[in-house]
Amino acid sequence: MKISDRVIKKYGRSVSVCDSKGNVTQHTKCIIQPLRYKNKMYTQGTPTEIGLAQSGYYLMLAPSTLQLSNTDENGYIADSDMTYHLDRSEKVYFGDRVMYVWAILRERNTGDYPVYNHFI
């Protein structure tokens, strides 16, 4: 177990990774926080003096064992309070080892969502 996995396991919340039909493909713990970023590099929002005018985006840090390749394009991530669509995700490496998974999530409403940078 890597240090970052230990931190995520200790302080993260329980989430379920689901396909478009609601079938759970994986249970894990993740750290999910509102994304407050001053430019529109990740979220396509409108920058303002105090931050981003558009809300509904979240940053997720997940353990290196998270497998998002089992999720179809309309899959989602659910915790006890909300469901999120995966907008973008990347594996973060230290040398050849995956240390954790970084992702931008969007509040999931109804409708279809494209997957922009889904890794396999």
PDB file of N, CA and C in Angstrom:
ATOM      1  N   MET A   1       0.844  -1.178   0.000  1.00  0.00           N
ATOM      2  CA  MET A   1       0.000   0.000   0.000  1.00  0.00           C
ATOM      3  C   MET A   1       0.890   1.242   0.000  1.00  0.00           C
ATOM      4  N   LYS A   2       0.556   2.169  -0.853  1.00  0.00           N
ATOM      5  CA  LYS A   2       1.323   3.403  -0.956  1.00  0.00           C
ATOM      6  C   LYS A   2       0.848   4.415   0.079  1.00  0.00           C
ATOM      7  N   ILE A   3       1.668   5.385   0.404  1.00  0.00           N
ATOM      8  CA  ILE A   3       1.298   6.394   1.399  1.00  0.00           C
ATOM      9  C   ILE A   3       0.018   7.110   1.000  1.00  0.00           C
ATOM     10  N   SER A   4      -0.083   7.520  -0.264  1.00  0.00           N
ATOM     11  CA  SER A   4      -1.283   8.238  -0.689  1.00  0.00           C
ATOM     12  C   SER A   4      -2.525   7.351  -0.576  1.00  0.00           C
ATOM     13  N   ASP A   5      -2.407   6.056  -0.857  1.00  0.00           N
ATOM     14  CA  ASP A   5      -3.536   5.140  -0.686  1.00  0.00           C
ATOM     15  C   ASP A   5      -3.965   5.082   0.778  1.00  0.00           C
ATOM     16  N   ARG A   6      -2.987   5.072   1.697  1.00  0.00           N
ATOM     17  CA  ARG A   6      -3.302   5.051   3.130  1.00  0.00           C
ATOM     18  C   ARG A   6      -4.064   6.296   3.548  1.00  0.00           C
ATOM     19  N   VAL A   7      -3.634   7.454   3.068  1.00  0.00           N
ATOM     20  CA  VAL A   7      -4.301   8.712   3.411  1.00  0.00           C
ATOM     21  C   VAL A   7      -5.729   8.717   2.868  1.00  0.00           C
ATOM     22  N   ILE A   8      -5.901   8.312   1.628  1.00  0.00           N
ATOM     23  CA  ILE A   8      -7.234   8.281   1.019  1.00  0.00           C
ATOM     24  C   ILE A   8      -8.121   7.286   1.753  1.00  0.00           C
ATOM     25  N   LYS A   9      -7.588   6.129   2.102  1.00  0.00           N
ATOM     26  CA  LYS A   9      -8.372   5.115   2.812  1.00  0.00           C
ATOM     27  C   LYS A   9      -8.794   5.622   4.196  1.00  0.00           C
ATOM     28  N   LYS A  10      -7.907   6.368   4.869  1.00  0.00           N
ATOM     29  CA  LYS A  10      -8.204   6.858   6.212  1.00  0.00           C
ATOM     30  C   LYS A  10      -9.176   8.035   6.207  1.00  0.00           C
ATOM     31  N   TYR A  11      -8.998   8.986   5.283  1.00  0.00           N
ATOM     32  CA  TYR A  11      -9.771  10.224   5.320  1.00  0.00           C
ATOM     33  C   TYR A  11     -10.847  10.321   4.240  1.00  0.00           C
ATOM     34  N   GLY A  12     -10.872   9.394   3.304  1.00  0.00           N
ATOM     35  CA  GLY A  12     -11.834   9.475   2.211  1.00  0.00           C
ATOM     36  C   GLY A  12     -13.218   9.005   2.596  1.00  0.00           C
ATOM     37  N   ARG A  13     -14.163   9.269   1.707  1.00  0.00           N
ATOM     38  CA  ARG A  13     -15.536   8.802   1.898  1.00  0.00           C
ATOM     39  C   ARG A  13     -15.785   7.612   0.984  1.00  0.00           C
ATOM     40  N   SER A  14     -16.711   6.772   1.372  1.00  0.00           N
ATOM     41  CA  SER A  14     -17.045   5.594   0.581  1.00  0.00           C
ATOM     42  C   SER A  14     -17.818   5.999  -0.663  1.00  0.00           C
ATOM     43  N   VAL A  15     -17.407   5.474  -1.808  1.00  0.00           N
ATOM     44  CA  VAL A  15     -18.093   5.738  -3.069  1.00  0.00           C
ATOM     45  C   VAL A  15     -18.290   4.434  -3.826  1.00  0.00           C
ATOM     46  N   SER A  16     -19.222   4.471  -4.744  1.00  0.00           N
ATOM     47  CA  SER A  16     -19.468   3.357  -5.649  1.00  0.00           C
ATOM     48  C   SER A  16     -19.278   3.850  -7.076  1.00  0.00           C
ATOM     49  N   VAL A  17     -18.576   3.071  -7.875  1.00  0.00           N
ATOM     50  CA  VAL A  17     -18.431   3.363  -9.300  1.00  0.00           C
ATOM     51  C   VAL A  17     -19.483   2.516  -9.999  1.00  0.00           C
ATOM     52  N   CYS A  18     -20.360   3.177 -10.780  1.00  0.00           N
ATOM     53  CA  CYS A  18     -21.500   2.493 -11.389  1.00  0.00           C
ATOM     54  C   CYS A  18     -21.492   2.662 -12.902  1.00  0.00           C
ATOM     55  N   ASP A  19     -22.056   1.668 -13.597  1.00  0.00           N
ATOM     56  CA  ASP A  19     -22.238   1.822 -15.041  1.00  0.00           C
ATOM     57  C   ASP A  19     -23.555   2.561 -15.288  1.00  0.00           C
ATOM     58  N   SER A  20     -23.908   2.774 -16.552  1.00  0.00           N
ATOM     59  CA  SER A  20     -25.093   3.575 -16.891  1.00  0.00           C
ATOM     60  C   SER A  20     -26.395   2.938 -16.412  1.00  0.00           C
ATOM     61  N   LYS A  21     -26.394   1.633 -16.149  1.00  0.00           N
ATOM     62  CA  LYS A  21     -27.597   0.951 -15.673  1.00  0.00           C
ATOM     63  C   LYS A  21     -27.686   0.928 -14.153  1.00  0.00           C
ATOM     64  N   GLY A  22     -26.671   1.482 -13.475  1.00  0.00           N
ATOM     65  CA  GLY A  22     -26.687   1.516 -12.018  1.00  0.00           C
ATOM     66  C   GLY A  22     -26.003   0.334 -11.362  1.00  0.00           C
ATOM     67  N   ASN A  23     -25.423  -0.555 -12.173  1.00  0.00           N
ATOM     68  CA  ASN A  23     -24.700  -1.689 -11.608  1.00  0.00           C
ATOM     69  C   ASN A  23     -23.379  -1.209 -11.026  1.00  0.00           C
ATOM     70  N   VAL A  24     -23.110  -1.583  -9.788  1.00  0.00           N
ATOM     71  CA  VAL A  24     -21.871  -1.174  -9.128  1.00  0.00           C
ATOM     72  C   VAL A  24     -20.729  -2.029  -9.652  1.00  0.00           C
ATOM     73  N   THR A  25     -19.688  -1.366 -10.182  1.00  0.00           N
ATOM     74  CA  THR A  25     -18.520  -2.087 -10.693  1.00  0.00           C
ATOM     75  C   THR A  25     -17.380  -2.105  -9.691  1.00  0.00           C
ATOM     76  N   GLN A  26     -17.417  -1.159  -8.713  1.00  0.00           N
ATOM     77  CA  GLN A  26     -16.357  -1.118  -7.716  1.00  0.00           C
ATOM     78  C   GLN A  26     -16.784  -0.241  -6.540  1.00  0.00           C
ATOM     79  N   HIS A  27     -16.401  -0.655  -5.332  1.00  0.00           N
ATOM     80  CA  HIS A  27     -16.534   0.166  -4.132  1.00  0.00           C
ATOM     81  C   HIS A  27     -15.133   0.577  -3.713  1.00  0.00           C
ATOM     82  N   THR A  28     -14.977   1.826  -3.288  1.00  0.00           N
ATOM     83  CA  THR A  28     -13.681   2.294  -2.821  1.00  0.00           C
ATOM     84  C   THR A  28     -13.891   3.525  -1.948  1.00  0.00           C
ATOM     85  N   LYS A  29     -12.809   4.110  -1.492  1.00  0.00           N
ATOM     86  CA  LYS A  29     -12.862   5.381  -0.767  1.00  0.00           C
ATOM     87  C   LYS A  29     -12.148   6.423  -1.603  1.00  0.00           C
ATOM     88  N   CYS A  30     -12.680   7.635  -1.609  1.00  0.00           N
ATOM     89  CA  CYS A  30     -12.110   8.746  -2.369  1.00  0.00           C
ATOM     90  C   CYS A  30     -12.247  10.027  -1.558  1.00  0.00           C
ATOM     91  N   ILE A  31     -11.398  10.981  -1.863  1.00  0.00           N
ATOM     92  CA  ILE A  31     -11.539  12.321  -1.315  1.00  0.00           C
ATOM     93  C   ILE A  31     -12.173  13.164  -2.414  1.00  0.00           C
ATOM     94  N   ILE A  32     -13.335  13.728  -2.130  1.00  0.00           N
ATOM     95  CA  ILE A  32     -14.064  14.553  -3.100  1.00  0.00           C
ATOM     96  C   ILE A  32     -14.324  15.906  -2.459  1.00  0.00           C
ATOM     97  N   GLN A  33     -13.861  16.966  -3.124  1.00  0.00           N
ATOM     98  CA  GLN A  33     -14.014  18.327  -2.626  1.00  0.00           C
ATOM     99  C   GLN A  33     -14.468  19.238  -3.760  1.00  0.00           C
ATOM    100  N   PRO A  34     -15.223  20.306  -3.449  1.00  0.00           N
ATOM    101  CA  PRO A  34     -15.610  21.260  -4.498  1.00  0.00           C
ATOM    102  C   PRO A  34     -14.362  21.834  -5.161  1.00  0.00           C
ATOM    103  N   LEU A  35     -14.433  22.013  -6.461  1.00  0.00           N
ATOM    104  CA  LEU A  35     -13.311  22.556  -7.214  1.00  0.00           C
ATOM    105  C   LEU A  35     -13.430  24.069  -7.257  1.00  0.00           C
ATOM    106  N   ARG A  36     -12.425  24.721  -6.759  1.00  0.00           N
ATOM    107  CA  ARG A  36     -12.364  26.186  -6.781  1.00  0.00           C
ATOM    108  C   ARG A  36     -11.094  26.564  -7.515  1.00  0.00           C
ATOM    109  N   TYR A  37     -11.227  26.877  -8.774  1.00  0.00           N
ATOM    110  CA  TYR A  37     -10.064  27.146  -9.607  1.00  0.00           C
ATOM    111  C   TYR A  37     -10.261  28.465 -10.322  1.00  0.00           C
ATOM    112  N   LYS A  38      -9.242  29.281 -10.398  1.00  0.00           N
ATOM    113  CA  LYS A  38      -9.391  30.644 -10.922  1.00  0.00           C
ATOM    114  C   LYS A  38      -9.451  30.766 -12.439  1.00  0.00           C
ATOM    115  N   ASN A  39      -9.091  29.743 -13.158  1.00  0.00           N
ATOM    116  CA  ASN A  39      -9.270  29.859 -14.601  1.00  0.00           C
ATOM    117  C   ASN A  39     -10.070  28.684 -15.112  1.00  0.00           C
ATOM    118  N   LYS A  40     -10.331  28.665 -16.402  1.00  0.00           N
ATOM    119  CA  LYS A  40     -11.201  27.624 -16.933  1.00  0.00           C
ATOM    120  C   LYS A  40     -10.427  26.471 -17.563  1.00  0.00           C
ATOM    121  N   MET A  41      -9.273  26.168 -17.036  1.00  0.00           N
ATOM    122  CA  MET A  41      -8.444  25.102 -17.577  1.00  0.00           C
ATOM    123  C   MET A  41      -9.152  23.746 -17.544  1.00  0.00           C
ATOM    124  N   TYR A  42      -9.906  23.460 -16.488  1.00  0.00           N
ATOM    125  CA  TYR A  42     -10.531  22.144 -16.337  1.00  0.00           C
ATOM    126  C   TYR A  42     -12.037  22.165 -16.477  1.00  0.00           C
ATOM    127  N   THR A  43     -12.681  23.282 -16.216  1.00  0.00           N
ATOM    128  CA  THR A  43     -14.128  23.244 -16.053  1.00  0.00           C
ATOM    129  C   THR A  43     -14.937  24.028 -17.062  1.00  0.00           C
ATOM    130  N   GLN A  44     -14.324  24.760 -17.939  1.00  0.00           N
ATOM    131  CA  GLN A  44     -15.025  25.533 -18.953  1.00  0.00           C
ATOM    132  C   GLN A  44     -16.004  26.533 -18.349  1.00  0.00           C
ATOM    133  N   GLY A  45     -15.736  27.013 -17.146  1.00  0.00           N
ATOM    134  CA  GLY A  45     -16.580  27.995 -16.490  1.00  0.00           C
ATOM    135  C   GLY A  45     -16.129  29.399 -16.829  1.00  0.00           C
ATOM    136  N   THR A  46     -16.745  30.377 -16.209  1.00  0.00           N
ATOM    137  CA  THR A  46     -16.413  31.775 -16.432  1.00  0.00           C
ATOM    138  C   THR A  46     -15.586  32.286 -15.257  1.00  0.00           C
ATOM    139  N   PRO A  47     -14.326  32.720 -15.493  1.00  0.00           N
ATOM    140  CA  PRO A  47     -13.534  33.233 -14.381  1.00  0.00           C
ATOM    141  C   PRO A  47     -14.055  34.589 -13.908  1.00  0.00           C
ATOM    142  N   THR A  48     -14.006  34.793 -12.607  1.00  0.00           N
ATOM    143  CA  THR A  48     -14.411  36.070 -12.020  1.00  0.00           C
ATOM    144  C   THR A  48     -13.305  36.521 -11.069  1.00  0.00           C
ATOM    145  N   GLU A  49     -13.488  37.674 -10.443  1.00  0.00           N
ATOM    146  CA  GLU A  49     -12.497  38.197  -9.503  1.00  0.00           C
ATOM    147  C   GLU A  49     -12.239  37.224  -8.366  1.00  0.00           C
ATOM    148  N   ILE A  50     -13.289  36.537  -7.876  1.00  0.00           N
ATOM    149  CA  ILE A  50     -13.118  35.678  -6.711  1.00  0.00           C
ATOM    150  C   ILE A  50     -13.075  34.188  -7.057  1.00  0.00           C
ATOM    151  N   GLY A  51     -13.094  33.856  -8.309  1.00  0.00           N
ATOM    152  CA  GLY A  51     -13.028  32.443  -8.675  1.00  0.00           C
ATOM    153  C   GLY A  51     -13.928  32.126  -9.845  1.00  0.00           C
ATOM    154  N   LEU A  52     -14.479  30.958  -9.843  1.00  0.00           N
ATOM    155  CA  LEU A  52     -15.275  30.469 -10.951  1.00  0.00           C
ATOM    156  C   LEU A  52     -16.758  30.726 -10.710  1.00  0.00           C
ATOM    157  N   ALA A  53     -17.450  31.257 -11.698  1.00  0.00           N
ATOM    158  CA  ALA A  53     -18.870  31.582 -11.546  1.00  0.00           C
ATOM    159  C   ALA A  53     -19.739  30.329 -11.614  1.00  0.00           C
ATOM    160  N   GLN A  54     -19.293  29.322 -12.286  1.00  0.00           N
ATOM    161  CA  GLN A  54     -20.087  28.115 -12.444  1.00  0.00           C
ATOM    162  C   GLN A  54     -19.707  27.119 -11.360  1.00  0.00           C
ATOM    163  N   SER A  55     -20.701  26.538 -10.699  1.00  0.00           N
ATOM    164  CA  SER A  55     -20.415  25.555  -9.660  1.00  0.00           C
ATOM    165  C   SER A  55     -20.809  24.173 -10.152  1.00  0.00           C
ATOM    166  N   GLY A  56     -20.660  23.206  -9.298  1.00  0.00           N
ATOM    167  CA  GLY A  56     -21.049  21.851  -9.653  1.00  0.00           C
ATOM    168  C   GLY A  56     -19.893  20.973 -10.068  1.00  0.00           C
ATOM    169  N   TYR A  57     -18.657  21.470  -9.977  1.00  0.00           N
ATOM    170  CA  TYR A  57     -17.481  20.681 -10.290  1.00  0.00           C
ATOM    171  C   TYR A  57     -16.739  20.304  -9.017  1.00  0.00           C
ATOM    172  N   TYR A  58     -16.148  19.105  -9.029  1.00  0.00           N
ATOM    173  CA  TYR A  58     -15.467  18.581  -7.851  1.00  0.00           C
ATOM    174  C   TYR A  58     -14.148  17.944  -8.256  1.00  0.00           C
ATOM    175  N   LEU A  59     -13.189  17.998  -7.346  1.00  0.00           N
ATOM    176  CA  LEU A  59     -11.913  17.323  -7.519  1.00  0.00           C
ATOM    177  C   LEU A  59     -11.975  16.025  -6.740  1.00  0.00           C
ATOM    178  N   MET A  60     -11.574  14.924  -7.368  1.00  0.00           N
ATOM    179  CA  MET A  60     -11.551  13.631  -6.702  1.00  0.00           C
ATOM    180  C   MET A  60     -10.127  13.092  -6.693  1.00  0.00           C
ATOM    181  N   LEU A  61      -9.678  12.647  -5.546  1.00  0.00           N
ATOM    182  CA  LEU A  61      -8.436  11.904  -5.406  1.00  0.00           C
ATOM    183  C   LEU A  61      -8.822  10.507  -4.969  1.00  0.00           C
ATOM    184  N   ALA A  62      -8.378   9.519  -5.736  1.00  0.00           N
ATOM    185  CA  ALA A  62      -8.764   8.138  -5.484  1.00  0.00           C
ATOM    186  C   ALA A  62      -7.525   7.263  -5.384  1.00  0.00           C
ATOM    187  N   PRO A  63      -7.645   6.110  -4.741  1.00  0.00           N
ATOM    188  CA  PRO A  63      -6.492   5.219  -4.636  1.00  0.00           C
ATOM    189  C   PRO A  63      -6.059   4.699  -6.002  1.00  0.00           C
ATOM    190  N   SER A  64      -4.825   4.282  -6.071  1.00  0.00           N
ATOM    191  CA  SER A  64      -4.257   3.798  -7.332  1.00  0.00           C
ATOM    192  C   SER A  64      -4.978   2.563  -7.864  1.00  0.00           C
ATOM    193  N   THR A  65      -5.725   1.890  -7.014  1.00  0.00           N
ATOM    194  CA  THR A  65      -6.426   0.670  -7.417  1.00  0.00           C
ATOM    195  C   THR A  65      -7.760   0.936  -8.113  1.00  0.00           C
ATOM    196  N   LEU A  66      -8.188   2.197  -8.173  1.00  0.00           N
ATOM    197  CA  LEU A  66      -9.468   2.515  -8.806  1.00  0.00           C
ATOM    198  C   LEU A  66      -9.413   2.167 -10.289  1.00  0.00           C
ATOM    199  N   GLN A  67     -10.387   1.407 -10.755  1.00  0.00           N
ATOM    200  CA  GLN A  67     -10.473   0.995 -12.157  1.00  0.00           C
ATOM    201  C   GLN A  67     -11.685   1.659 -12.795  1.00  0.00           C
ATOM    202  N   LEU A  68     -11.446   2.702 -13.564  1.00  0.00           N
ATOM    203  CA  LEU A  68     -12.534   3.387 -14.245  1.00  0.00           C
ATOM    204  C   LEU A  68     -12.786   2.811 -15.627  1.00  0.00           C
ATOM    205  N   SER A  69     -11.920   1.928 -16.087  1.00  0.00           N
ATOM    206  CA  SER A  69     -12.084   1.341 -17.416  1.00  0.00           C
ATOM    207  C   SER A  69     -13.285   0.400 -17.478  1.00  0.00           C
ATOM    208  N   ASN A  70     -13.799  -0.039 -16.329  1.00  0.00           N
ATOM    209  CA  ASN A  70     -14.976  -0.911 -16.305  1.00  0.00           C
ATOM    210  C   ASN A  70     -16.272  -0.129 -16.427  1.00  0.00           C
ATOM    211  N   THR A  71     -16.194   1.196 -16.412  1.00  0.00           N
ATOM    212  CA  THR A  71     -17.365   2.057 -16.455  1.00  0.00           C
ATOM    213  C   THR A  71     -17.609   2.512 -17.882  1.00  0.00           C
ATOM    214  N   ASP A  72     -18.854   2.389 -18.348  1.00  0.00           N
ATOM    215  CA  ASP A  72     -19.165   2.849 -19.703  1.00  0.00           C
ATOM    216  C   ASP A  72     -19.273   4.374 -19.724  1.00  0.00           C
ATOM    217  N   GLU A  73     -19.510   4.941 -20.903  1.00  0.00           N
ATOM    218  CA  GLU A  73     -19.447   6.402 -21.049  1.00  0.00           C
ATOM    219  C   GLU A  73     -20.520   7.147 -20.268  1.00  0.00           C
ATOM    220  N   ASN A  74     -21.610   6.522 -19.902  1.00  0.00           N
ATOM    221  CA  ASN A  74     -22.637   7.173 -19.098  1.00  0.00           C
ATOM    222  C   ASN A  74     -22.612   6.693 -17.644  1.00  0.00           C
ATOM    223  N   GLY A  75     -21.522   6.071 -17.255  1.00  0.00           N
ATOM    224  CA  GLY A  75     -21.370   5.640 -15.872  1.00  0.00           C
ATOM    225  C   GLY A  75     -21.198   6.834 -14.952  1.00  0.00           C
ATOM    226  N   TYR A  76     -21.207   6.556 -13.661  1.00  0.00           N
ATOM    227  CA  TYR A  76     -21.112   7.643 -12.689  1.00  0.00           C
ATOM    228  C   TYR A  76     -20.501   7.142 -11.389  1.00  0.00           C
ATOM    229  N   ILE A  77     -20.192   8.091 -10.528  1.00  0.00           N
ATOM    230  CA  ILE A  77     -19.644   7.807  -9.212  1.00  0.00           C
ATOM    231  C   ILE A  77     -20.652   8.323  -8.199  1.00  0.00           C
ATOM    232  N   ALA A  78     -20.988   7.508  -7.209  1.00  0.00           N
ATOM    233  CA  ALA A  78     -21.998   7.886  -6.224  1.00  0.00           C
ATOM    234  C   ALA A  78     -21.435   7.763  -4.820  1.00  0.00           C
ATOM    235  N   ASP A  79     -21.725   8.770  -3.988  1.00  0.00           N
ATOM    236  CA  ASP A  79     -21.443   8.650  -2.568  1.00  0.00           C
ATOM    237  C   ASP A  79     -22.784   8.699  -1.840  1.00  0.00           C
ATOM    238  N   SER A  80     -22.793   8.868  -0.547  1.00  0.00           N
ATOM    239  CA  SER A  80     -24.054   8.837   0.194  1.00  0.00           C
ATOM    240  C   SER A  80     -24.933  10.061  -0.080  1.00  0.00           C
ATOM    241  N   ASP A  81     -24.332  11.156  -0.586  1.00  0.00           N
ATOM    242  CA  ASP A  81     -25.085  12.393  -0.795  1.00  0.00           C
ATOM    243  C   ASP A  81     -25.416  12.704  -2.245  1.00  0.00           C
ATOM    244  N   MET A  82     -24.492  12.406  -3.159  1.00  0.00           N
ATOM    245  CA  MET A  82     -24.626  12.873  -4.540  1.00  0.00           C
ATOM    246  C   MET A  82     -24.137  11.818  -5.526  1.00  0.00           C
ATOM    247  N   THR A  83     -24.457  12.080  -6.800  1.00  0.00           N
ATOM    248  CA  THR A  83     -23.869  11.301  -7.882  1.00  0.00           C
ATOM    249  C   THR A  83     -23.131  12.272  -8.799  1.00  0.00           C
ATOM    250  N   TYR A  84     -22.039  11.778  -9.390  1.00  0.00           N
ATOM    251  CA  TYR A  84     -21.159  12.615 -10.193  1.00  0.00           C
ATOM    252  C   TYR A  84     -20.862  11.941 -11.519  1.00  0.00           C
ATOM    253  N   HIS A  85     -20.764  12.775 -12.553  1.00  0.00           N
ATOM    254  CA  HIS A  85     -20.298  12.317 -13.852  1.00  0.00           C
ATOM    255  C   HIS A  85     -18.796  12.550 -13.922  1.00  0.00           C
ATOM    256  N   LEU A  86     -18.078  11.635 -14.509  1.00  0.00           N
ATOM    257  CA  LEU A  86     -16.633  11.761 -14.663  1.00  0.00           C
ATOM    258  C   LEU A  86     -16.332  12.578 -15.914  1.00  0.00           C
ATOM    259  N   ASP A  87     -15.764  13.780 -15.731  1.00  0.00           N
ATOM    260  CA  ASP A  87     -15.407  14.635 -16.860  1.00  0.00           C
ATOM    261  C   ASP A  87     -14.010  14.337 -17.373  1.00  0.00           C
ATOM    262  N   ARG A  88     -13.087  14.141 -16.468  1.00  0.00           N
ATOM    263  CA  ARG A  88     -11.693  13.949 -16.858  1.00  0.00           C
ATOM    264  C   ARG A  88     -11.001  13.169 -15.753  1.00  0.00           C
ATOM    265  N   SER A  89     -10.091  12.287 -16.127  1.00  0.00           N
ATOM    266  CA  SER A  89      -9.346  11.544 -15.110  1.00  0.00           C
ATOM    267  C   SER A  89      -7.961  11.200 -15.623  1.00  0.00           C
ATOM    268  N   GLU A  90      -7.035  11.096 -14.702  1.00  0.00           N
ATOM    269  CA  GLU A  90      -5.651  10.739 -15.034  1.00  0.00           C
ATOM    270  C   GLU A  90      -5.055   9.933 -13.900  1.00  0.00           C
ATOM    271  N   LYS A  91      -4.155   9.055 -14.248  1.00  0.00           N
ATOM    272  CA  LYS A  91      -3.363   8.352 -13.249  1.00  0.00           C
ATOM    273  C   LYS A  91      -2.123   9.208 -12.982  1.00  0.00           C
ATOM    274  N   VAL A  92      -1.741   9.352 -11.718  1.00  0.00           N
ATOM    275  CA  VAL A  92      -0.567  10.125 -11.344  1.00  0.00           C
ATOM    276  C   VAL A  92       0.535   9.134 -10.978  1.00  0.00           C
ATOM    277  N   TYR A  93       1.658   9.249 -11.667  1.00  0.00           N
ATOM    278  CA  TYR A  93       2.764   8.298 -11.518  1.00  0.00           C
ATOM    279  C   TYR A  93       3.919   8.892 -10.732  1.00  0.00           C
ATOM    280  N   PHE A  94       4.627   8.043 -10.035  1.00  0.00           N
ATOM    281  CA  PHE A  94       5.933   8.345  -9.466  1.00  0.00           C
ATOM    282  C   PHE A  94       6.848   7.267 -10.024  1.00  0.00           C
ATOM    283  N   GLY A  95       7.661   7.626 -11.005  1.00  0.00           N
ATOM    284  CA  GLY A  95       8.415   6.610 -11.735  1.00  0.00           C
ATOM    285  C   GLY A  95       7.440   5.776 -12.542  1.00  0.00           C
ATOM    286  N   ASP A  96       7.489   4.465 -12.370  1.00  0.00           N
ATOM    287  CA  ASP A  96       6.587   3.561 -13.081  1.00  0.00           C
ATOM    288  C   ASP A  96       5.375   3.156 -12.255  1.00  0.00           C
ATOM    289  N   ARG A  97       5.260   3.667 -11.050  1.00  0.00           N
ATOM    290  CA  ARG A  97       4.172   3.267 -10.154  1.00  0.00           C
ATOM    291  C   ARG A  97       3.057   4.296 -10.144  1.00  0.00           C
ATOM    292  N   VAL A  98       1.819   3.828 -10.219  1.00  0.00           N
ATOM    293  CA  VAL A  98       0.664   4.717 -10.090  1.00  0.00           C
ATOM    294  C   VAL A  98       0.504   5.034  -8.609  1.00  0.00           C
ATOM    295  N   MET A  99       0.531   6.327  -8.271  1.00  0.00           N
ATOM    296  CA  MET A  99       0.411   6.744  -6.877  1.00  0.00           C
ATOM    297  C   MET A  99      -1.050   6.978  -6.477  1.00  0.00           C
ATOM    298  N   TYR A 100      -1.816   7.611  -7.357  1.00  0.00           N
ATOM    299  CA  TYR A 100      -3.232   7.846  -7.102  1.00  0.00           C
ATOM    300  C   TYR A 100      -3.898   8.220  -8.413  1.00  0.00           C
ATOM    301  N   VAL A 101      -5.224   8.306  -8.388  1.00  0.00           N
ATOM    302  CA  VAL A 101      -6.008   8.709  -9.555  1.00  0.00           C
ATOM    303  C   VAL A 101      -6.610  10.080  -9.247  1.00  0.00           C
ATOM    304  N   TRP A 102      -6.457  10.993 -10.187  1.00  0.00           N
ATOM    305  CA  TRP A 102      -6.949  12.362 -10.092  1.00  0.00           C
ATOM    306  C   TRP A 102      -8.098  12.486 -11.077  1.00  0.00           C
ATOM    307  N   ALA A 103      -9.202  13.140 -10.676  1.00  0.00           N
ATOM    308  CA  ALA A 103     -10.334  13.277 -11.592  1.00  0.00           C
ATOM    309  C   ALA A 103     -11.108  14.559 -11.319  1.00  0.00           C
ATOM    310  N   ILE A 104     -11.731  15.064 -12.362  1.00  0.00           N
ATOM    311  CA  ILE A 104     -12.673  16.174 -12.259  1.00  0.00           C
ATOM    312  C   ILE A 104     -14.065  15.563 -12.425  1.00  0.00           C
ATOM    313  N   LEU A 105     -14.917  15.812 -11.447  1.00  0.00           N
ATOM    314  CA  LEU A 105     -16.283  15.295 -11.465  1.00  0.00           C
ATOM    315  C   LEU A 105     -17.250  16.461 -11.628  1.00  0.00           C
ATOM    316  N   ARG A 106     -18.410  16.155 -12.174  1.00  0.00           N
ATOM    317  CA  ARG A 106     -19.475  17.145 -12.332  1.00  0.00           C
ATOM    318  C   ARG A 106     -20.733  16.568 -11.708  1.00  0.00           C
ATOM    319  N   GLU A 107     -21.508  17.416 -11.030  1.00  0.00           N
ATOM    320  CA  GLU A 107     -22.773  16.942 -10.471  1.00  0.00           C
ATOM    321  C   GLU A 107     -23.575  16.277 -11.570  1.00  0.00           C
ATOM    322  N   ARG A 108     -24.135  15.131 -11.267  1.00  0.00           N
ATOM    323  CA  ARG A 108     -24.884  14.371 -12.264  1.00  0.00           C
ATOM    324  C   ARG A 108     -26.358  14.712 -12.135  1.00  0.00           C
ATOM    325  N   ASN A 109     -26.919  15.195 -13.228  1.00  0.00           N
ATOM    326  CA  ASN A 109     -28.354  15.448 -13.298  1.00  0.00           C
ATOM    327  C   ASN A 109     -28.942  14.404 -14.232  1.00  0.00           C
ATOM    328  N   THR A 110     -29.777  14.798 -15.138  1.00  0.00           N
ATOM    329  CA  THR A 110     -30.298  13.877 -16.129  1.00  0.00           C
ATOM    330  C   THR A 110     -29.651  14.175 -17.464  1.00  0.00           C
ATOM    331  N   GLY A 111     -29.747  13.263 -18.384  1.00  0.00           N
ATOM    332  CA  GLY A 111     -29.213  13.475 -19.717  1.00  0.00           C
ATOM    333  C   GLY A 111     -27.906  12.731 -19.951  1.00  0.00           C
ATOM    334  N   ASP A 112     -27.423  12.818 -21.161  1.00  0.00           N
ATOM    335  CA  ASP A 112     -26.197  12.140 -21.544  1.00  0.00           C
ATOM    336  C   ASP A 112     -25.016  13.065 -21.351  1.00  0.00           C
ATOM    337  N   TYR A 113     -23.902  12.495 -20.962  1.00  0.00           N
ATOM    338  CA  TYR A 113     -22.688  13.258 -20.751  1.00  0.00           C
ATOM    339  C   TYR A 113     -21.562  12.632 -21.548  1.00  0.00           C
ATOM    340  N   PRO A 114     -20.811  13.421 -22.296  1.00  0.00           N
ATOM    341  CA  PRO A 114     -19.652  12.868 -23.002  1.00  0.00           C
ATOM    342  C   PRO A 114     -18.498  12.646 -22.032  1.00  0.00           C
ATOM    343  N   VAL A 115     -17.660  11.693 -22.330  1.00  0.00           N
ATOM    344  CA  VAL A 115     -16.472  11.445 -21.530  1.00  0.00           C
ATOM    345  C   VAL A 115     -15.314  12.070 -22.279  1.00  0.00           C
ATOM    346  N   TYR A 116     -14.628  13.039 -21.671  1.00  0.00           N
ATOM    347  CA  TYR A 116     -13.617  13.822 -22.364  1.00  0.00           C
ATOM    348  C   TYR A 116     -12.243  13.178 -22.353  1.00  0.00           C
ATOM    349  N   ASN A 117     -11.812  12.651 -21.236  1.00  0.00           N
ATOM    350  CA  ASN A 117     -10.434  12.150 -21.150  1.00  0.00           C
ATOM    351  C   ASN A 117     -10.419  10.883 -20.293  1.00  0.00           C
ATOM    352  N   HIS A 118     -11.262   9.950 -20.594  1.00  0.00           N
ATOM    353  CA  HIS A 118     -11.382   8.729 -19.823  1.00  0.00           C
ATOM    354  C   HIS A 118     -10.190   7.820 -20.169  1.00  0.00           C
ATOM    355  N   PHE A 119      -9.488   7.364 -19.155  1.00  0.00           N
ATOM    356  CA  PHE A 119      -8.348   6.473 -19.429  1.00  0.00           C
ATOM    357  C   PHE A 119      -8.786   5.019 -19.351  1.00  0.00           C
ATOM    358  N   ILE A 120      -8.028   4.172 -20.000  1.00  0.00           N
ATOM    359  CA  ILE A 120      -8.315   2.733 -19.992  1.00  0.00           C
ATOM    360  C   ILE A 120      -7.193   2.019 -19.292  1.00  0.00           C
TER     361      ILE A 120
END
